[in-house]
Amino acid sequence: QVWLVESGGGSVQAGGSLRLSCRASLSLFRINHMAWYRQTPGNQRELVANIWRDGSANYTDPVKGRFTISRDNAKNMIYLEMNSLKTEDTAVYYCKSKVNGGVWGQGTQVIVSS
């Protein structure tokens, strides 16, 4: 059984930084693609960033230049470094793998206040 657990969310003022972590129960050497999504109340989850086994990554336009996704395959960890946070970044952030048809973590709340 594959599971994902996010951590690192919290409350921060605009302009601040947070680092989210996602631990996978399966070796990341066996998982090519991982992603971070976020969701606000009443809205669908939106893709924030993708990362592949070779370390290549891409980002949705609103976070480009501010967020950095990374992975440590040896530790089965995915990270999302978030800098210059804005109030519109407030959301629940989820880690996702496409393994087994799609696996989501439980989410971690990020609140950015002005």
N, C-alpha and C. Protein backbone atom coordinates (compact mmCIF):
# COMPACT_ATOMS: atom_id res chain seq x y z
N GLN A 1 0.84 -1.18 0.00
CA GLN A 1 0.00 0.00 0.00
C GLN A 1 0.89 1.25 0.00
N VAL A 2 0.52 2.19 -0.85
CA VAL A 2 1.30 3.42 -0.97
C VAL A 2 0.59 4.53 -0.21
N TRP A 3 1.32 5.24 0.59
CA TRP A 3 0.75 6.42 1.25
C TRP A 3 1.72 7.58 1.19
N LEU A 4 1.16 8.78 1.31
CA LEU A 4 1.92 10.02 1.31
C LEU A 4 1.50 10.84 2.51
N VAL A 5 2.45 11.46 3.19
CA VAL A 5 2.14 12.29 4.35
C VAL A 5 2.85 13.62 4.21
N GLU A 6 2.05 14.70 4.19
CA GLU A 6 2.62 16.04 4.10
C GLU A 6 2.83 16.64 5.49
N SER A 7 3.75 17.57 5.57
CA SER A 7 3.98 18.32 6.81
C SER A 7 4.62 19.66 6.46
N GLY A 8 4.68 20.54 7.45
CA GLY A 8 5.37 21.81 7.25
C GLY A 8 4.48 23.01 7.04
N GLY A 9 3.17 22.80 6.94
CA GLY A 9 2.28 23.92 6.78
C GLY A 9 2.22 24.77 8.04
N GLY A 10 1.58 25.93 7.92
CA GLY A 10 1.44 26.81 9.06
C GLY A 10 0.98 28.17 8.64
N SER A 11 1.09 29.12 9.56
CA SER A 11 0.69 30.50 9.30
C SER A 11 1.93 31.37 9.17
N VAL A 12 1.90 32.26 8.20
CA VAL A 12 3.06 33.12 7.95
C VAL A 12 2.55 34.44 7.38
N GLN A 13 3.30 35.49 7.57
CA GLN A 13 2.92 36.77 6.99
C GLN A 13 3.36 36.84 5.54
N ALA A 14 2.68 37.67 4.79
CA ALA A 14 3.04 37.86 3.39
C ALA A 14 4.51 38.26 3.29
N GLY A 15 5.17 37.67 2.31
CA GLY A 15 6.60 37.91 2.14
C GLY A 15 7.47 36.88 2.82
N GLY A 16 6.85 36.06 3.67
CA GLY A 16 7.59 35.05 4.39
C GLY A 16 7.80 33.78 3.59
N SER A 17 8.34 32.77 4.28
CA SER A 17 8.68 31.51 3.63
C SER A 17 8.20 30.32 4.45
N LEU A 18 7.94 29.24 3.76
CA LEU A 18 7.64 27.95 4.39
C LEU A 18 8.23 26.85 3.53
N ARG A 19 8.53 25.74 4.17
CA ARG A 19 9.00 24.57 3.44
C ARG A 19 8.10 23.40 3.76
N LEU A 20 7.43 22.90 2.74
CA LEU A 20 6.57 21.74 2.90
C LEU A 20 7.34 20.47 2.58
N SER A 21 6.98 19.40 3.29
CA SER A 21 7.61 18.11 3.06
C SER A 21 6.54 17.07 2.79
N CYS A 22 6.89 16.07 2.02
CA CYS A 22 5.99 14.95 1.73
C CYS A 22 6.81 13.66 1.81
N ARG A 23 6.40 12.78 2.71
CA ARG A 23 7.08 11.49 2.85
C ARG A 23 6.25 10.42 2.16
N ALA A 24 6.94 9.60 1.37
CA ALA A 24 6.28 8.51 0.65
C ALA A 24 6.63 7.17 1.28
N SER A 25 5.67 6.24 1.27
CA SER A 25 5.91 4.91 1.83
C SER A 25 6.64 4.02 0.84
N LEU A 26 6.70 4.45 -0.42
CA LEU A 26 7.35 3.69 -1.47
C LEU A 26 8.64 4.39 -1.86
N SER A 27 9.65 3.63 -2.21
CA SER A 27 10.92 4.22 -2.62
C SER A 27 10.71 5.13 -3.81
N LEU A 28 11.22 6.35 -3.70
CA LEU A 28 11.07 7.29 -4.81
C LEU A 28 11.95 6.92 -6.00
N PHE A 29 12.84 5.98 -5.82
CA PHE A 29 13.59 5.50 -6.98
C PHE A 29 12.64 4.74 -7.92
N ARG A 30 11.49 4.31 -7.40
CA ARG A 30 10.51 3.58 -8.19
C ARG A 30 9.39 4.48 -8.72
N ILE A 31 9.42 5.73 -8.35
CA ILE A 31 8.36 6.66 -8.77
C ILE A 31 8.96 7.76 -9.62
N ASN A 32 8.55 7.84 -10.88
CA ASN A 32 9.11 8.86 -11.76
C ASN A 32 8.55 10.24 -11.44
N HIS A 33 7.25 10.35 -11.45
CA HIS A 33 6.61 11.67 -11.35
C HIS A 33 5.95 11.88 -9.98
N MET A 34 6.19 13.05 -9.40
CA MET A 34 5.51 13.48 -8.18
C MET A 34 5.05 14.92 -8.40
N ALA A 35 4.10 15.34 -7.62
CA ALA A 35 3.58 16.70 -7.80
C ALA A 35 3.06 17.28 -6.50
N TRP A 36 3.00 18.59 -6.45
CA TRP A 36 2.31 19.32 -5.39
C TRP A 36 1.09 20.01 -6.01
N TYR A 37 -0.03 19.91 -5.34
CA TYR A 37 -1.26 20.61 -5.69
C TYR A 37 -1.68 21.47 -4.51
N ARG A 38 -2.64 22.37 -4.77
CA ARG A 38 -3.23 23.13 -3.68
C ARG A 38 -4.72 23.34 -3.96
N GLN A 39 -5.45 23.55 -2.87
CA GLN A 39 -6.89 23.70 -3.00
C GLN A 39 -7.41 24.72 -1.99
N THR A 40 -8.27 25.61 -2.47
CA THR A 40 -8.95 26.57 -1.60
C THR A 40 -10.42 26.18 -1.54
N PRO A 41 -11.13 26.59 -0.50
CA PRO A 41 -12.54 26.20 -0.33
C PRO A 41 -13.39 26.56 -1.54
N GLY A 42 -14.15 25.58 -2.00
CA GLY A 42 -15.05 25.81 -3.12
C GLY A 42 -14.41 25.69 -4.48
N ASN A 43 -13.12 25.41 -4.50
CA ASN A 43 -12.40 25.31 -5.78
C ASN A 43 -11.78 23.94 -5.96
N GLN A 44 -11.48 23.61 -7.23
CA GLN A 44 -10.81 22.35 -7.50
C GLN A 44 -9.33 22.46 -7.14
N ARG A 45 -8.74 21.31 -6.94
CA ARG A 45 -7.30 21.30 -6.68
C ARG A 45 -6.58 21.76 -7.94
N GLU A 46 -5.58 22.60 -7.75
CA GLU A 46 -4.80 23.07 -8.89
C GLU A 46 -3.36 22.62 -8.75
N LEU A 47 -2.77 22.32 -9.89
CA LEU A 47 -1.39 21.88 -9.91
C LEU A 47 -0.46 23.05 -9.58
N VAL A 48 0.48 22.80 -8.70
CA VAL A 48 1.48 23.82 -8.33
C VAL A 48 2.81 23.53 -9.01
N ALA A 49 3.27 22.29 -8.90
CA ALA A 49 4.58 21.96 -9.46
C ALA A 49 4.68 20.46 -9.70
N ASN A 50 5.44 20.09 -10.73
CA ASN A 50 5.77 18.70 -11.03
C ASN A 50 7.26 18.49 -10.86
N ILE A 51 7.63 17.27 -10.52
CA ILE A 51 9.05 16.90 -10.52
C ILE A 51 9.18 15.46 -10.96
N TRP A 52 10.23 15.18 -11.73
CA TRP A 52 10.48 13.84 -12.23
C TRP A 52 11.74 13.26 -11.59
N ARG A 53 11.93 11.96 -11.78
CA ARG A 53 13.01 11.26 -11.10
C ARG A 53 14.36 11.91 -11.37
N ASP A 54 14.55 12.45 -12.58
CA ASP A 54 15.84 13.03 -12.93
C ASP A 54 16.03 14.43 -12.35
N GLY A 55 15.01 14.91 -11.63
CA GLY A 55 15.11 16.22 -11.00
C GLY A 55 14.53 17.35 -11.81
N SER A 56 14.14 17.08 -13.04
CA SER A 56 13.53 18.13 -13.84
C SER A 56 12.18 18.51 -13.24
N ALA A 57 11.81 19.76 -13.39
CA ALA A 57 10.60 20.25 -12.75
C ALA A 57 9.96 21.35 -13.57
N ASN A 58 8.69 21.57 -13.34
CA ASN A 58 8.02 22.75 -13.90
C ASN A 58 6.97 23.23 -12.91
N TYR A 59 6.50 24.47 -13.17
CA TYR A 59 5.66 25.16 -12.20
C TYR A 59 4.48 25.86 -12.88
N THR A 60 3.42 26.03 -12.13
CA THR A 60 2.33 26.85 -12.62
C THR A 60 2.79 28.31 -12.56
N ASP A 61 2.28 29.11 -13.48
CA ASP A 61 2.78 30.48 -13.61
C ASP A 61 2.74 31.31 -12.32
N PRO A 62 1.68 31.24 -11.52
CA PRO A 62 1.62 32.10 -10.32
C PRO A 62 2.73 31.88 -9.30
N VAL A 63 3.40 30.73 -9.36
CA VAL A 63 4.43 30.44 -8.35
C VAL A 63 5.84 30.44 -8.93
N LYS A 64 5.95 30.61 -10.23
CA LYS A 64 7.28 30.60 -10.85
C LYS A 64 8.17 31.67 -10.25
N GLY A 65 9.39 31.28 -9.95
CA GLY A 65 10.35 32.22 -9.37
C GLY A 65 10.23 32.36 -7.87
N ARG A 66 9.17 31.81 -7.28
CA ARG A 66 8.98 31.91 -5.83
C ARG A 66 9.03 30.53 -5.15
N PHE A 67 8.54 29.51 -5.82
CA PHE A 67 8.49 28.16 -5.25
C PHE A 67 9.53 27.28 -5.93
N THR A 68 10.06 26.34 -5.16
CA THR A 68 11.00 25.37 -5.70
C THR A 68 10.62 23.98 -5.20
N ILE A 69 10.40 23.07 -6.14
CA ILE A 69 10.12 21.67 -5.79
C ILE A 69 11.42 20.89 -5.89
N SER A 70 11.60 19.96 -4.97
CA SER A 70 12.80 19.13 -4.99
C SER A 70 12.45 17.76 -4.44
N ARG A 71 13.35 16.81 -4.62
CA ARG A 71 13.13 15.46 -4.11
C ARG A 71 14.44 14.87 -3.63
N ASP A 72 14.33 14.03 -2.62
CA ASP A 72 15.46 13.26 -2.11
C ASP A 72 15.04 11.80 -2.23
N ASN A 73 15.45 11.16 -3.29
CA ASN A 73 15.01 9.80 -3.55
C ASN A 73 15.47 8.82 -2.47
N ALA A 74 16.63 9.07 -1.90
CA ALA A 74 17.16 8.17 -0.88
C ALA A 74 16.34 8.23 0.42
N LYS A 75 15.72 9.38 0.66
CA LYS A 75 14.92 9.55 1.87
C LYS A 75 13.42 9.43 1.61
N ASN A 76 13.05 9.18 0.37
CA ASN A 76 11.63 9.08 -0.01
C ASN A 76 10.87 10.37 0.30
N MET A 77 11.51 11.50 0.05
CA MET A 77 10.93 12.79 0.42
C MET A 77 10.80 13.71 -0.79
N ILE A 78 9.70 14.47 -0.81
CA ILE A 78 9.48 15.54 -1.76
C ILE A 78 9.34 16.83 -0.97
N TYR A 79 9.87 17.91 -1.49
CA TYR A 79 9.81 19.18 -0.77
C TYR A 79 9.22 20.27 -1.66
N LEU A 80 8.65 21.27 -1.02
CA LEU A 80 8.22 22.47 -1.74
C LEU A 80 8.67 23.68 -0.91
N GLU A 81 9.69 24.35 -1.41
CA GLU A 81 10.20 25.55 -0.76
C GLU A 81 9.40 26.72 -1.31
N MET A 82 8.74 27.46 -0.42
CA MET A 82 7.88 28.56 -0.83
C MET A 82 8.41 29.86 -0.25
N ASN A 83 8.80 30.76 -1.12
CA ASN A 83 9.33 32.06 -0.71
C ASN A 83 8.43 33.18 -1.22
N SER A 84 8.62 34.37 -0.66
CA SER A 84 7.84 35.54 -1.07
C SER A 84 6.35 35.21 -1.11
N LEU A 85 5.88 34.60 -0.06
CA LEU A 85 4.50 34.13 -0.04
C LEU A 85 3.51 35.29 -0.11
N LYS A 86 2.41 35.04 -0.80
CA LYS A 86 1.34 36.02 -0.97
C LYS A 86 0.06 35.49 -0.32
N THR A 87 -0.86 36.38 -0.03
CA THR A 87 -2.11 35.95 0.59
C THR A 87 -2.85 34.96 -0.30
N GLU A 88 -2.69 35.11 -1.61
CA GLU A 88 -3.37 34.19 -2.53
C GLU A 88 -2.74 32.79 -2.55
N ASP A 89 -1.63 32.60 -1.86
CA ASP A 89 -1.05 31.26 -1.73
C ASP A 89 -1.73 30.46 -0.61
N THR A 90 -2.59 31.11 0.14
CA THR A 90 -3.31 30.42 1.20
C THR A 90 -4.14 29.28 0.62
N ALA A 91 -3.92 28.07 1.13
CA ALA A 91 -4.59 26.89 0.60
C ALA A 91 -4.17 25.68 1.41
N VAL A 92 -4.84 24.56 1.15
CA VAL A 92 -4.36 23.28 1.62
C VAL A 92 -3.49 22.70 0.51
N TYR A 93 -2.30 22.30 0.86
CA TYR A 93 -1.34 21.79 -0.12
C TYR A 93 -1.26 20.27 -0.02
N TYR A 94 -1.32 19.63 -1.18
CA TYR A 94 -1.32 18.17 -1.26
C TYR A 94 -0.16 17.68 -2.11
N CYS A 95 0.38 16.56 -1.70
CA CYS A 95 1.37 15.83 -2.45
C CYS A 95 0.65 14.73 -3.22
N LYS A 96 1.08 14.46 -4.45
CA LYS A 96 0.41 13.44 -5.24
C LYS A 96 1.40 12.58 -6.01
N SER A 97 1.09 11.29 -6.09
CA SER A 97 1.81 10.37 -6.96
C SER A 97 0.80 9.69 -7.88
N LYS A 98 1.21 9.35 -9.09
CA LYS A 98 0.33 8.65 -10.01
C LYS A 98 0.36 7.14 -9.80
N VAL A 99 1.17 6.68 -8.86
CA VAL A 99 1.24 5.25 -8.57
C VAL A 99 -0.14 4.72 -8.19
N ASN A 100 -0.43 3.50 -8.62
CA ASN A 100 -1.70 2.84 -8.27
C ASN A 100 -2.91 3.66 -8.68
N GLY A 101 -2.82 4.36 -9.79
CA GLY A 101 -3.95 5.13 -10.28
C GLY A 101 -4.09 6.50 -9.65
N GLY A 102 -3.23 6.82 -8.74
CA GLY A 102 -3.27 8.15 -8.13
C GLY A 102 -3.40 8.07 -6.62
N VAL A 103 -2.43 8.58 -5.92
CA VAL A 103 -2.43 8.57 -4.46
C VAL A 103 -2.21 10.00 -3.97
N TRP A 104 -3.02 10.41 -3.00
CA TRP A 104 -2.92 11.75 -2.41
C TRP A 104 -2.56 11.66 -0.94
N GLY A 105 -1.86 12.66 -0.47
CA GLY A 105 -1.66 12.78 0.96
C GLY A 105 -2.89 13.43 1.59
N GLN A 106 -2.83 13.65 2.89
CA GLN A 106 -3.98 14.20 3.61
C GLN A 106 -4.01 15.73 3.53
N GLY A 107 -2.93 16.34 3.10
CA GLY A 107 -2.88 17.79 2.95
C GLY A 107 -2.30 18.49 4.16
N THR A 108 -1.73 19.65 3.92
CA THR A 108 -1.22 20.50 5.00
C THR A 108 -1.63 21.94 4.71
N GLN A 109 -2.16 22.61 5.74
CA GLN A 109 -2.73 23.93 5.57
C GLN A 109 -1.64 25.01 5.59
N VAL A 110 -1.73 25.91 4.62
CA VAL A 110 -0.85 27.08 4.58
C VAL A 110 -1.73 28.32 4.62
N ILE A 111 -1.47 29.19 5.58
CA ILE A 111 -2.22 30.44 5.71
C ILE A 111 -1.24 31.60 5.64
N VAL A 112 -1.46 32.48 4.68
CA VAL A 112 -0.61 33.65 4.50
C VAL A 112 -1.44 34.89 4.79
N SER A 113 -1.03 35.64 5.80
CA SER A 113 -1.78 36.82 6.20
C SER A 113 -1.07 38.10 5.74
N SER A 114 -1.86 39.13 5.55
CA SER A 114 -1.29 40.41 5.08
C SER A 114 -0.79 41.25 6.24
